[in-house]
Amino acid sequence: MLKRFLGSMGIILACTMPSFAVPLESWDDKIPNGSQRFKVLSEFNDEAVLDKETQLVWERAPYSLSFIWKDARGSCPFKIIGGRRGWRLPSFVELMSLVDPTANASPLLPPGHPFSNIHAVPGDFYWSATTSADVTTDAWEVFFGQGTTGPGDKMQMHFVWCVRGPMNADQY
């Protein structure tokens, strides 16, 4: 414990430092089996899923509606999923973390995943919150049918898959 006395006011600050470091969750943890990687959260009425690799919480069944990018970004904060607010549009990197390039079936998600209502027909892209650095009127999008990506015009209509968790600086 560290104690410090602050002058004439007679204030003593005490700080206790732990003797061990808390292990940080890492994106290096690869859990290929979706039934082990994802946990359906009963605390969210089974409407949200924890990704144990990234520590992000995803909505279990995204909207079947599509939006232009501006409205996609604005829709997540107002959603109530599992009785909770605080959702946001994921960054491109976060959204791509769900793609399993070794999957044998569409959507390209890890086998045994608990998600439903994931659109994977050609043209069914999902918006990310990441604007293209080259063309600011475009934002990055993901197609889970083949795992393809690209920047798309922000005025196009695409699907939205909301997430909760620490914000990735890559997104806004």
Protein backbone atom coordinates (compact mmCIF):
# COMPACT_ATOMS: atom_id res chain seq x y z
CA MET A 1 0.00 0.00 0.00
CA LEU A 2 1.22 3.47 -0.90
CA LYS A 3 0.32 6.44 1.34
CA ARG A 4 0.83 10.08 0.48
CA PHE A 5 0.27 13.15 2.71
CA LEU A 6 -0.95 16.29 0.94
CA GLY A 7 0.29 19.44 2.68
CA SER A 8 -1.61 21.63 5.11
CA MET A 9 -5.00 20.12 4.34
CA GLY A 10 -4.03 16.92 6.11
CA ILE A 11 -5.33 14.67 3.34
CA ILE A 12 -3.89 11.19 3.08
CA LEU A 13 -4.34 9.24 -0.14
CA ALA A 14 -4.00 5.50 0.04
CA CYS A 15 -3.51 3.25 -2.92
CA THR A 16 -3.45 -0.51 -2.81
CA MET A 17 -1.81 -2.22 -5.76
CA PRO A 18 -2.58 -5.84 -6.56
CA SER A 19 0.34 -8.24 -6.51
CA PHE A 20 -0.74 -9.88 -9.76
CA ALA A 21 -1.92 -8.73 -13.18
CA VAL A 22 -5.41 -9.51 -14.38
CA PRO A 23 -5.21 -11.43 -17.69
CA LEU A 24 -6.67 -9.48 -20.58
CA GLU A 25 -9.00 -11.14 -23.06
CA SER A 26 -7.26 -11.44 -26.38
CA TRP A 27 -8.25 -11.62 -30.00
CA ASP A 28 -5.50 -14.23 -30.24
CA ASP A 29 -7.78 -16.77 -28.55
CA LYS A 30 -9.17 -18.87 -31.37
CA ILE A 31 -12.27 -20.89 -30.56
CA PRO A 32 -13.27 -22.53 -33.87
CA ASN A 33 -16.40 -24.28 -32.59
CA GLY A 34 -19.31 -21.85 -32.43
CA SER A 35 -21.04 -23.75 -29.63
CA GLN A 36 -17.96 -23.15 -27.43
CA ARG A 37 -17.11 -19.68 -28.74
CA PHE A 38 -20.55 -18.13 -28.29
CA LYS A 39 -22.73 -17.99 -25.20
CA VAL A 40 -26.41 -17.09 -25.41
CA LEU A 41 -27.05 -14.68 -22.53
CA SER A 42 -30.06 -15.56 -20.41
CA GLU A 43 -29.64 -12.16 -18.66
CA PHE A 44 -30.64 -10.64 -22.02
CA ASN A 45 -33.70 -12.89 -22.42
CA ASP A 46 -31.65 -15.09 -24.82
CA GLU A 47 -31.71 -12.18 -27.32
CA ALA A 48 -27.96 -11.48 -27.13
CA VAL A 49 -24.80 -13.55 -27.57
CA LEU A 50 -21.38 -13.14 -25.96
CA ASP A 51 -18.45 -13.82 -28.28
CA LYS A 52 -15.78 -15.28 -25.98
CA GLU A 53 -13.02 -14.51 -28.51
CA THR A 54 -13.67 -10.78 -28.74
CA GLN A 55 -15.71 -10.17 -25.57
CA LEU A 56 -18.31 -8.37 -27.68
CA VAL A 57 -22.03 -8.95 -27.20
CA TRP A 58 -24.04 -9.32 -30.44
CA GLU A 59 -27.75 -9.27 -31.00
CA ARG A 60 -28.83 -12.85 -31.64
CA ALA A 61 -31.32 -12.12 -34.44
CA PRO A 62 -30.66 -8.86 -36.34
CA TYR A 63 -33.44 -6.87 -38.00
CA SER A 64 -34.80 -8.02 -41.35
CA LEU A 65 -34.98 -4.38 -42.39
CA SER A 66 -32.34 -2.59 -44.41
CA PHE A 67 -31.19 1.00 -43.98
CA ILE A 68 -28.98 3.60 -45.59
CA TRP A 69 -25.75 3.98 -43.61
CA LYS A 70 -26.74 7.12 -41.67
CA ASP A 71 -29.94 5.47 -40.46
CA ALA A 72 -28.10 2.20 -39.75
CA ARG A 73 -25.74 4.04 -37.40
CA GLY A 74 -28.67 5.76 -35.74
CA SER A 75 -30.80 2.63 -35.33
CA CYS A 76 -28.57 0.68 -32.93
CA PRO A 77 -28.51 3.13 -29.98
CA PHE A 78 -32.31 3.11 -29.90
CA LYS A 79 -32.75 -0.66 -30.04
CA ILE A 80 -33.82 -2.52 -26.95
CA ILE A 81 -32.36 -6.02 -27.03
CA GLY A 82 -32.85 -8.25 -24.03
CA GLY A 83 -34.21 -5.28 -22.10
CA ARG A 84 -30.99 -3.30 -22.62
CA ARG A 85 -29.96 -0.24 -24.60
CA GLY A 86 -26.40 0.83 -25.40
CA TRP A 87 -26.00 -0.91 -28.74
CA ARG A 88 -23.98 0.44 -31.64
CA LEU A 89 -23.04 -0.35 -35.22
CA PRO A 90 -19.85 -2.47 -35.20
CA SER A 91 -16.61 -1.43 -36.80
CA PHE A 92 -15.51 -3.24 -39.94
CA VAL A 93 -12.92 -5.24 -37.98
CA GLU A 94 -15.50 -6.28 -35.38
CA LEU A 95 -18.03 -7.37 -38.00
CA MET A 96 -15.35 -9.32 -39.90
CA SER A 97 -14.43 -11.14 -36.67
CA LEU A 98 -17.67 -13.14 -37.10
CA VAL A 99 -16.75 -14.42 -40.58
CA ASP A 100 -15.37 -17.96 -40.60
CA PRO A 101 -13.48 -18.39 -43.90
CA THR A 102 -13.32 -22.17 -43.34
CA ALA A 103 -17.10 -22.57 -43.01
CA ASN A 104 -18.66 -24.95 -45.54
CA ALA A 105 -22.12 -23.42 -45.61
CA SER A 106 -23.68 -20.00 -45.89
CA PRO A 107 -23.73 -17.84 -43.81
CA LEU A 108 -19.98 -18.05 -43.22
CA LEU A 109 -20.17 -18.13 -39.44
CA PRO A 110 -18.45 -20.63 -37.14
CA PRO A 111 -20.23 -24.02 -37.11
CA GLY A 112 -22.62 -24.32 -34.18
CA HIS A 113 -23.19 -20.55 -33.93
CA PRO A 114 -26.43 -19.52 -32.15
CA PHE A 115 -27.44 -16.66 -34.47
CA SER A 116 -30.60 -16.54 -36.53
CA ASN A 117 -31.99 -14.31 -39.25
CA ILE A 118 -28.57 -13.73 -40.85
CA HIS A 119 -29.07 -12.75 -44.48
CA ALA A 120 -26.69 -14.44 -46.92
CA VAL A 121 -28.32 -14.08 -50.34
CA PRO A 122 -26.23 -12.20 -52.96
CA GLY A 123 -26.59 -8.49 -52.36
CA ASP A 124 -27.43 -8.88 -48.65
CA PHE A 125 -24.63 -6.81 -47.14
CA TYR A 126 -24.33 -5.63 -43.52
CA TRP A 127 -23.11 -2.14 -42.71
CA SER A 128 -20.10 -1.46 -40.53
CA ALA A 129 -19.54 1.89 -38.84
CA THR A 130 -16.23 2.28 -40.68
CA THR A 131 -16.10 4.96 -43.36
CA SER A 132 -13.84 4.36 -46.35
CA ALA A 133 -10.62 6.36 -46.06
CA ASP A 134 -10.51 6.83 -49.83
CA VAL A 135 -14.12 7.82 -50.48
CA THR A 136 -15.89 9.30 -47.48
CA THR A 137 -19.30 8.78 -49.09
CA ASP A 138 -18.65 5.02 -48.78
CA ALA A 139 -18.57 2.74 -45.72
CA TRP A 140 -17.27 -0.80 -45.33
CA GLU A 141 -19.79 -3.62 -45.68
CA VAL A 142 -19.74 -7.40 -45.17
CA PHE A 143 -21.56 -10.15 -47.08
CA PHE A 144 -21.87 -13.27 -44.91
CA GLY A 145 -22.85 -15.46 -47.85
CA GLN A 146 -19.26 -15.55 -49.12
CA GLY A 147 -17.36 -13.47 -46.57
CA THR A 148 -16.75 -10.78 -49.15
CA THR A 149 -16.30 -7.15 -48.23
CA GLY A 150 -15.89 -3.78 -49.80
CA PRO A 151 -16.77 -0.16 -49.49
CA GLY A 152 -20.34 0.61 -50.45
CA ASP A 153 -22.12 3.87 -51.17
CA LYS A 154 -23.68 5.08 -47.90
CA MET A 155 -26.97 5.70 -49.71
CA GLN A 156 -27.41 1.97 -50.47
CA MET A 157 -29.77 -0.10 -48.34
CA HIS A 158 -28.03 -2.75 -46.21
CA PHE A 159 -28.75 -4.76 -43.08
CA VAL A 160 -27.66 -3.89 -39.54
CA TRP A 161 -26.19 -6.18 -36.87
CA CYS A 162 -25.81 -4.32 -33.57
CA VAL A 163 -23.14 -4.95 -30.94
CA ARG A 164 -22.29 -3.90 -27.38
CA GLY A 165 -18.84 -3.59 -25.91
CA PRO A 166 -15.85 -1.26 -25.87
CA MET A 167 -15.73 0.95 -28.93
CA ASN A 168 -13.17 0.23 -31.58
CA ALA A 169 -11.45 3.47 -32.62
CA ASP A 170 -11.62 2.25 -36.22
CA GLN A 171 -15.34 2.80 -36.46
CA TYR A 172 -16.30 6.48 -36.49
